[in-house]
């Protein structure tokens, strides 16, 4: 099994919900307390992982088969922020961007190819 496949199956577990909530809360995401937002983000991460299992690459430094849960959640939030970037009055956009930056810099190994796993 690939990392993407393992992560895809992980998405349906309670532990995935816990991990996502911790990621959102630890790095101060503005919607961390909103259960519906977290559930939607897990669904989007699951879709990203399903596409990665088919070979779609979303992060330049991370091969599709190595897409992991953290990277998929990050990418899903990145896409969501891009969709909302032109929404007038959405003051949370800068906070969402800060979250993306914190996660990417705080967990760099989640966003690059892992040679030792091949």
Foldseek 3Di string as FASTA:
>chain_A
DFQLVVQLVVLPDPVLLVVLLCLCVVQPQVCSVPPVVSVVLSVQLNVLSVVLVVFDDDAPQEGSSLQHSLNSSLSSLVVVLVVCVPPPPPPSSVVSVSSSVCSCVVCVVNRHDDVVVD
